[in-house]
């Protein structure tokens, strides 16, 4: 039997979530409330995209809105919300299980390789580096 390629990175704390967005590649973040859980209707589409975009820097992340500071605006919502990030920048927000919109934005924005993204242009990485350097001096 074929191995299941769906293995999202699960984040339920701010530090790990922020660290994931500081890296290169496309990030598809599904924001959900603990009582609602992740959306299962998009899984076949995500599995297909993973196979089609094999070897590209594409990461699927599930993130709990109640425990991540940056996702506070999504707390208590049951509608699936997908945040598409590349190189630390939010490119698009897709609300609901809109698989055609998700496919379009993911395939249009997924880089061929990590070298296509420059960390020196990633605002989240730059802020983190600046904070780390300031703490060294303190």
N, C-alpha and C. Protein backbone atom coordinates (compact mmCIF):
# COMPACT_ATOMS: atom_id res chain seq x y z
N UNK A 1 0.82 -1.20 0.00
CA UNK A 1 0.00 0.00 0.00
C UNK A 1 0.86 1.26 0.00
N UNK A 2 0.35 2.27 -0.67
CA UNK A 2 1.07 3.53 -0.76
C UNK A 2 1.05 4.26 0.58
N UNK A 3 2.18 4.83 0.93
CA UNK A 3 2.30 5.58 2.19
C UNK A 3 1.48 6.87 2.11
N UNK A 4 0.84 7.21 3.19
CA UNK A 4 0.06 8.44 3.25
C UNK A 4 1.01 9.63 3.28
N UNK A 5 0.86 10.53 2.32
CA UNK A 5 1.75 11.70 2.24
C UNK A 5 1.26 12.86 3.09
N UNK A 6 0.07 12.75 3.65
CA UNK A 6 -0.47 13.85 4.44
C UNK A 6 0.08 13.78 5.86
N UNK A 7 0.92 14.70 6.19
CA UNK A 7 1.51 14.74 7.52
C UNK A 7 1.77 16.20 7.89
N UNK A 8 0.70 16.95 8.23
CA UNK A 8 0.89 18.37 8.52
C UNK A 8 1.68 18.58 9.82
N UNK A 9 2.36 19.70 9.86
CA UNK A 9 3.06 20.11 11.07
C UNK A 9 2.01 20.73 11.98
N UNK A 10 1.89 20.21 13.19
CA UNK A 10 0.87 20.71 14.12
C UNK A 10 1.52 21.69 15.11
N UNK A 11 0.92 22.87 15.22
CA UNK A 11 1.44 23.87 16.16
C UNK A 11 0.34 24.29 17.11
N UNK A 12 0.67 24.25 18.39
CA UNK A 12 -0.27 24.73 19.40
C UNK A 12 0.40 25.70 20.36
N UNK A 13 1.53 26.27 19.94
CA UNK A 13 2.19 27.29 20.75
C UNK A 13 2.80 28.34 19.83
N UNK A 14 2.82 29.57 20.32
CA UNK A 14 3.26 30.71 19.51
C UNK A 14 4.69 30.59 19.01
N UNK A 15 5.62 30.17 19.86
CA UNK A 15 7.04 30.14 19.47
C UNK A 15 7.28 29.21 18.28
N UNK A 16 6.70 28.03 18.31
CA UNK A 16 6.89 27.07 17.21
C UNK A 16 6.22 27.57 15.93
N UNK A 17 5.05 28.16 16.07
CA UNK A 17 4.33 28.69 14.91
C UNK A 17 5.14 29.82 14.27
N UNK A 18 5.61 30.75 15.08
CA UNK A 18 6.41 31.87 14.57
C UNK A 18 7.68 31.37 13.89
N UNK A 19 8.33 30.38 14.48
CA UNK A 19 9.56 29.82 13.91
C UNK A 19 9.29 29.20 12.55
N UNK A 20 8.17 28.53 12.40
CA UNK A 20 7.83 27.90 11.11
C UNK A 20 7.66 28.94 10.01
N UNK A 21 7.09 30.09 10.34
CA UNK A 21 6.87 31.12 9.33
C UNK A 21 8.14 31.88 8.97
N UNK A 22 9.18 31.73 9.76
CA UNK A 22 10.46 32.41 9.47
C UNK A 22 11.30 31.65 8.45
N UNK A 23 10.84 30.49 8.02
CA UNK A 23 11.63 29.68 7.10
C UNK A 23 11.19 29.89 5.66
N UNK A 24 12.00 29.35 4.75
CA UNK A 24 11.73 29.49 3.33
C UNK A 24 10.64 28.53 2.88
N UNK A 25 10.03 28.86 1.75
CA UNK A 25 9.01 27.99 1.17
C UNK A 25 7.61 28.48 1.46
N UNK A 26 6.65 27.81 0.83
CA UNK A 26 5.24 28.16 1.00
C UNK A 26 4.67 27.43 2.21
N UNK A 27 3.93 28.15 3.02
CA UNK A 27 3.28 27.57 4.20
C UNK A 27 1.77 27.73 4.03
N UNK A 28 1.05 26.63 4.15
CA UNK A 28 -0.40 26.65 4.13
C UNK A 28 -0.83 26.35 5.56
N UNK A 29 -1.36 27.36 6.23
CA UNK A 29 -1.72 27.23 7.64
C UNK A 29 -3.23 27.11 7.75
N UNK A 30 -3.68 25.99 8.28
CA UNK A 30 -5.09 25.84 8.59
C UNK A 30 -5.29 26.23 10.04
N UNK A 31 -6.06 27.28 10.26
CA UNK A 31 -6.34 27.77 11.60
C UNK A 31 -7.67 27.15 12.04
N UNK A 32 -7.67 26.56 13.23
CA UNK A 32 -8.90 25.97 13.72
C UNK A 32 -9.02 26.14 15.23
N UNK A 33 -10.24 26.02 15.69
CA UNK A 33 -10.52 26.05 17.12
C UNK A 33 -10.50 24.61 17.62
N UNK A 34 -10.07 24.43 18.85
CA UNK A 34 -9.95 23.06 19.38
C UNK A 34 -11.29 22.34 19.37
N UNK A 35 -12.37 23.03 19.63
CA UNK A 35 -13.68 22.38 19.67
C UNK A 35 -14.18 22.00 18.28
N UNK A 36 -13.67 22.65 17.23
CA UNK A 36 -14.12 22.35 15.87
C UNK A 36 -13.19 21.36 15.17
N UNK A 37 -11.90 21.46 15.44
CA UNK A 37 -10.92 20.58 14.81
C UNK A 37 -10.62 20.97 13.38
N UNK A 38 -9.57 20.37 12.80
CA UNK A 38 -9.19 20.67 11.42
C UNK A 38 -10.25 20.20 10.43
N UNK A 39 -10.26 20.80 9.26
CA UNK A 39 -11.23 20.47 8.21
C UNK A 39 -10.76 19.23 7.45
N UNK A 40 -11.58 18.20 7.44
CA UNK A 40 -11.18 16.96 6.76
C UNK A 40 -11.55 16.96 5.28
N UNK A 41 -12.45 17.83 4.86
CA UNK A 41 -12.90 17.80 3.46
C UNK A 41 -11.83 18.27 2.47
N UNK A 42 -10.81 18.97 2.95
CA UNK A 42 -9.75 19.44 2.04
C UNK A 42 -8.60 18.45 1.93
N UNK A 43 -8.60 17.40 2.74
CA UNK A 43 -7.48 16.46 2.75
C UNK A 43 -7.19 15.83 1.39
N UNK A 44 -8.20 15.35 0.63
CA UNK A 44 -7.87 14.78 -0.68
C UNK A 44 -7.17 15.79 -1.60
N UNK A 45 -7.60 17.04 -1.54
CA UNK A 45 -6.97 18.08 -2.37
C UNK A 45 -5.54 18.32 -1.93
N UNK A 46 -5.30 18.39 -0.64
CA UNK A 46 -3.94 18.61 -0.14
C UNK A 46 -3.03 17.43 -0.47
N UNK A 47 -3.54 16.23 -0.36
CA UNK A 47 -2.74 15.04 -0.72
C UNK A 47 -2.34 15.09 -2.20
N UNK A 48 -3.28 15.49 -3.04
CA UNK A 48 -3.01 15.59 -4.48
C UNK A 48 -1.95 16.66 -4.76
N UNK A 49 -2.07 17.80 -4.09
CA UNK A 49 -1.09 18.88 -4.28
C UNK A 49 0.30 18.46 -3.83
N UNK A 50 0.38 17.74 -2.73
CA UNK A 50 1.68 17.27 -2.24
C UNK A 50 2.35 16.37 -3.27
N UNK A 51 1.57 15.50 -3.89
CA UNK A 51 2.13 14.62 -4.92
C UNK A 51 2.53 15.40 -6.17
N UNK A 52 1.69 16.34 -6.59
CA UNK A 52 1.97 17.13 -7.79
C UNK A 52 3.17 18.06 -7.60
N UNK A 53 3.32 18.62 -6.43
CA UNK A 53 4.39 19.58 -6.16
C UNK A 53 5.54 18.93 -5.41
N UNK A 54 5.72 17.65 -5.61
CA UNK A 54 6.76 16.87 -4.95
C UNK A 54 8.12 17.56 -5.05
N UNK A 55 8.84 17.54 -3.95
CA UNK A 55 10.18 18.13 -3.85
C UNK A 55 10.18 19.66 -3.76
N UNK A 56 9.05 20.29 -3.87
CA UNK A 56 9.00 21.75 -3.69
C UNK A 56 8.88 22.08 -2.21
N UNK A 57 9.36 23.25 -1.80
CA UNK A 57 9.27 23.63 -0.38
C UNK A 57 7.86 24.08 0.00
N UNK A 58 7.03 23.11 0.29
CA UNK A 58 5.63 23.33 0.64
C UNK A 58 5.36 22.63 1.97
N UNK A 59 4.86 23.40 2.94
CA UNK A 59 4.58 22.85 4.25
C UNK A 59 3.14 23.16 4.63
N UNK A 60 2.43 22.13 5.04
CA UNK A 60 1.08 22.30 5.55
C UNK A 60 1.16 22.31 7.08
N UNK A 61 0.50 23.29 7.67
CA UNK A 61 0.54 23.48 9.12
C UNK A 61 -0.89 23.56 9.64
N UNK A 62 -1.16 22.83 10.71
CA UNK A 62 -2.43 23.04 11.40
C UNK A 62 -2.10 23.80 12.68
N UNK A 63 -2.89 24.84 12.96
CA UNK A 63 -2.58 25.71 14.09
C UNK A 63 -3.83 25.99 14.91
N UNK A 64 -3.70 25.82 16.20
CA UNK A 64 -4.81 26.01 17.14
C UNK A 64 -4.93 27.50 17.47
N UNK A 65 -6.06 28.09 17.13
CA UNK A 65 -6.22 29.53 17.32
C UNK A 65 -6.20 29.97 18.78
N UNK A 66 -6.65 29.13 19.68
CA UNK A 66 -6.73 29.53 21.08
C UNK A 66 -5.37 29.63 21.77
N UNK A 67 -4.34 29.01 21.21
CA UNK A 67 -3.06 28.96 21.91
C UNK A 67 -1.93 29.71 21.19
N UNK A 68 -2.24 30.35 20.07
CA UNK A 68 -1.22 31.07 19.32
C UNK A 68 -1.61 32.54 19.24
N UNK A 69 -0.79 33.39 19.82
CA UNK A 69 -1.10 34.82 19.92
C UNK A 69 -1.45 35.45 18.58
N UNK A 70 -0.71 35.14 17.54
CA UNK A 70 -0.91 35.76 16.22
C UNK A 70 -2.25 35.37 15.59
N UNK A 71 -2.91 34.36 16.13
CA UNK A 71 -4.16 33.88 15.54
C UNK A 71 -5.38 34.22 16.41
N UNK A 72 -5.21 35.17 17.30
CA UNK A 72 -6.27 35.53 18.23
C UNK A 72 -7.57 35.90 17.53
N UNK A 73 -7.49 36.56 16.39
CA UNK A 73 -8.71 36.99 15.69
C UNK A 73 -9.57 35.82 15.21
N UNK A 74 -9.00 34.62 15.18
CA UNK A 74 -9.73 33.45 14.70
C UNK A 74 -10.31 32.60 15.83
N UNK A 75 -10.10 32.99 17.06
CA UNK A 75 -10.59 32.21 18.20
C UNK A 75 -12.11 32.05 18.16
N UNK A 76 -12.55 30.84 18.45
CA UNK A 76 -13.98 30.58 18.54
C UNK A 76 -14.71 30.40 17.23
N UNK A 77 -14.02 30.46 16.12
CA UNK A 77 -14.68 30.31 14.82
C UNK A 77 -14.70 28.85 14.39
N UNK A 78 -15.78 28.48 13.71
CA UNK A 78 -15.87 27.10 13.22
C UNK A 78 -15.57 27.00 11.73
N UNK A 79 -15.61 28.12 11.02
CA UNK A 79 -15.33 28.10 9.58
C UNK A 79 -13.84 27.84 9.35
N UNK A 80 -13.51 26.88 8.48
CA UNK A 80 -12.10 26.65 8.18
C UNK A 80 -11.48 27.92 7.59
N UNK A 81 -10.29 28.24 8.04
CA UNK A 81 -9.56 29.40 7.53
C UNK A 81 -8.15 28.95 7.20
N UNK A 82 -7.70 29.29 5.99
CA UNK A 82 -6.38 28.90 5.52
C UNK A 82 -5.58 30.17 5.21
N UNK A 83 -4.42 30.28 5.84
CA UNK A 83 -3.53 31.42 5.62
C UNK A 83 -2.37 30.92 4.78
N UNK A 84 -2.11 31.60 3.68
CA UNK A 84 -1.04 31.20 2.77
C UNK A 84 0.11 32.18 2.94
N UNK A 85 1.25 31.67 3.39
CA UNK A 85 2.45 32.48 3.62
C UNK A 85 3.56 32.04 2.69
N UNK A 86 4.35 33.01 2.26
CA UNK A 86 5.60 32.70 1.56
C UNK A 86 6.64 33.69 2.03
N UNK A 87 7.77 33.16 2.44
CA UNK A 87 8.89 33.97 2.91
C UNK A 87 8.46 34.98 3.97
N UNK A 88 7.62 34.51 4.89
CA UNK A 88 7.22 35.34 6.02
C UNK A 88 6.12 36.35 5.74
N UNK A 89 5.57 36.34 4.55
CA UNK A 89 4.53 37.30 4.20
C UNK A 89 3.21 36.57 3.94
N UNK A 90 2.13 37.12 4.49
CA UNK A 90 0.81 36.57 4.22
C UNK A 90 0.41 36.96 2.81
N UNK A 91 0.21 35.96 1.96
CA UNK A 91 -0.17 36.21 0.58
C UNK A 91 -1.69 36.27 0.40
N UNK A 92 -2.35 35.35 1.10
CA UNK A 92 -3.80 35.26 0.91
C UNK A 92 -4.45 34.52 2.08
N UNK A 93 -5.70 34.86 2.30
CA UNK A 93 -6.53 34.17 3.29
C UNK A 93 -7.69 33.54 2.54
N UNK A 94 -7.88 32.25 2.72
CA UNK A 94 -8.99 31.54 2.08
C UNK A 94 -9.91 31.07 3.20
N UNK A 95 -11.14 31.52 3.15
CA UNK A 95 -12.12 31.14 4.17
C UNK A 95 -13.03 30.05 3.61
N UNK A 96 -13.29 29.07 4.44
CA UNK A 96 -14.12 27.95 4.02
C UNK A 96 -13.30 26.90 3.29
N UNK A 97 -13.91 25.77 3.04
CA UNK A 97 -13.24 24.66 2.35
C UNK A 97 -13.31 24.86 0.85
N UNK A 98 -12.75 25.97 0.39
CA UNK A 98 -12.78 26.36 -1.02
C UNK A 98 -11.58 25.75 -1.73
N UNK A 99 -11.70 24.49 -2.11
CA UNK A 99 -10.55 23.79 -2.70
C UNK A 99 -10.08 24.39 -4.02
N UNK A 100 -10.96 24.89 -4.91
CA UNK A 100 -10.44 25.52 -6.13
C UNK A 100 -9.55 26.74 -5.82
N UNK A 101 -9.97 27.56 -4.87
CA UNK A 101 -9.18 28.74 -4.51
C UNK A 101 -7.86 28.32 -3.86
N UNK A 102 -7.90 27.31 -2.99
CA UNK A 102 -6.68 26.84 -2.35
C UNK A 102 -5.69 26.29 -3.38
N UNK A 103 -6.18 25.47 -4.31
CA UNK A 103 -5.31 24.92 -5.36
C UNK A 103 -4.66 26.03 -6.18
N UNK A 104 -5.47 27.00 -6.55
CA UNK A 104 -4.97 28.10 -7.39
C UNK A 104 -3.86 28.88 -6.69
N UNK A 105 -4.10 29.28 -5.45
CA UNK A 105 -3.10 30.10 -4.74
C UNK A 105 -1.86 29.29 -4.40
N UNK A 106 -2.02 28.02 -4.07
CA UNK A 106 -0.86 27.19 -3.73
C UNK A 106 0.00 26.93 -4.96
N UNK A 107 -0.59 26.50 -6.05
CA UNK A 107 0.21 26.20 -7.26
C UNK A 107 0.83 27.46 -7.85
N UNK A 108 0.16 28.60 -7.74
CA UNK A 108 0.69 29.84 -8.29
C UNK A 108 1.86 30.40 -7.48
N UNK A 109 1.92 30.07 -6.19
CA UNK A 109 2.91 30.70 -5.32
C UNK A 109 3.98 29.78 -4.75
N UNK A 110 3.88 28.49 -5.00
CA UNK A 110 4.86 27.56 -4.45
C UNK A 110 6.18 27.67 -5.23
N UNK A 111 7.27 28.01 -4.54
CA UNK A 111 8.56 28.16 -5.24
C UNK A 111 9.08 26.80 -5.72
N UNK A 112 9.95 26.84 -6.71
CA UNK A 112 10.55 25.59 -7.20
C UNK A 112 11.49 24.99 -6.18
N UNK A 113 12.21 25.85 -5.46
CA UNK A 113 13.12 25.36 -4.41
C UNK A 113 13.30 26.47 -3.36
N UNK A 114 13.93 26.11 -2.25
CA UNK A 114 14.09 27.07 -1.16
C UNK A 114 14.93 28.27 -1.55
N UNK A 115 15.86 28.09 -2.48
CA UNK A 115 16.74 29.19 -2.89
C UNK A 115 15.95 30.33 -3.55
N UNK A 116 14.71 30.07 -3.96
CA UNK A 116 13.89 31.12 -4.55
C UNK A 116 13.44 32.16 -3.52
N UNK A 117 13.55 31.82 -2.24
CA UNK A 117 13.17 32.73 -1.16
C UNK A 117 14.43 33.19 -0.44
N UNK A 118 14.57 34.50 -0.27
CA UNK A 118 15.72 35.08 0.41
C UNK A 118 15.30 35.46 1.83
N UNK A 119 15.93 34.83 2.82
CA UNK A 119 15.57 35.13 4.21
C UNK A 119 15.78 36.59 4.56
N UNK A 120 16.68 37.27 3.87
CA UNK A 120 16.90 38.69 4.14
C UNK A 120 15.74 39.55 3.65
N UNK A 121 14.77 38.93 2.98
CA UNK A 121 13.55 39.62 2.57
C UNK A 121 12.34 39.15 3.37
N UNK A 122 12.57 38.28 4.34
CA UNK A 122 11.50 37.73 5.17
C UNK A 122 11.36 38.61 6.41
N UNK A 123 10.27 39.38 6.51
CA UNK A 123 10.14 40.31 7.65
C UNK A 123 10.09 39.61 9.01
N UNK A 124 9.55 38.42 9.07
CA UNK A 124 9.50 37.70 10.35
C UNK A 124 10.89 37.22 10.76
N UNK A 125 11.68 36.77 9.79
CA UNK A 125 13.05 36.35 10.07
C UNK A 125 13.89 37.55 10.50
N UNK A 126 13.74 38.67 9.77
CA UNK A 126 14.53 39.87 10.10
C UNK A 126 14.20 40.38 11.50
N UNK A 127 12.93 40.39 11.87
CA UNK A 127 12.54 40.84 13.21
C UNK A 127 13.11 39.91 14.28
N UNK A 128 13.06 38.61 14.02
CA UNK A 128 13.60 37.62 14.96
C UNK A 128 15.11 37.80 15.12
N UNK A 129 15.81 37.99 14.00
CA UNK A 129 17.26 38.17 14.05
C UNK A 129 17.63 39.45 14.79
N UNK A 130 16.88 40.52 14.54
CA UNK A 130 17.13 41.80 15.22
C UNK A 130 16.92 41.65 16.73
N UNK A 131 15.87 40.96 17.11
CA UNK A 131 15.59 40.73 18.54
C UNK A 131 16.69 39.88 19.18
N UNK A 132 17.15 38.85 18.48
CA UNK A 132 18.21 38.00 19.00
C UNK A 132 19.51 38.78 19.18
N UNK A 133 19.82 39.65 18.23
CA UNK A 133 21.03 40.46 18.33
C UNK A 133 20.93 41.47 19.47
N UNK A 134 19.74 42.02 19.68
CA UNK A 134 19.54 42.98 20.78
C UNK A 134 19.69 42.28 22.12
N UNK A 135 19.23 41.03 22.20
CA UNK A 135 19.37 40.29 23.47
C UNK A 135 20.81 39.94 23.75
N UNK A 136 21.60 39.70 22.71
CA UNK A 136 23.04 39.42 22.89
C UNK A 136 23.75 40.63 23.49
N UNK A 137 23.36 41.83 23.04
CA UNK A 137 24.00 43.06 23.49
C UNK A 137 23.57 43.44 24.90
N UNK A 138 22.41 42.97 25.31
CA UNK A 138 21.87 43.36 26.63
C UNK A 138 22.56 42.62 27.76
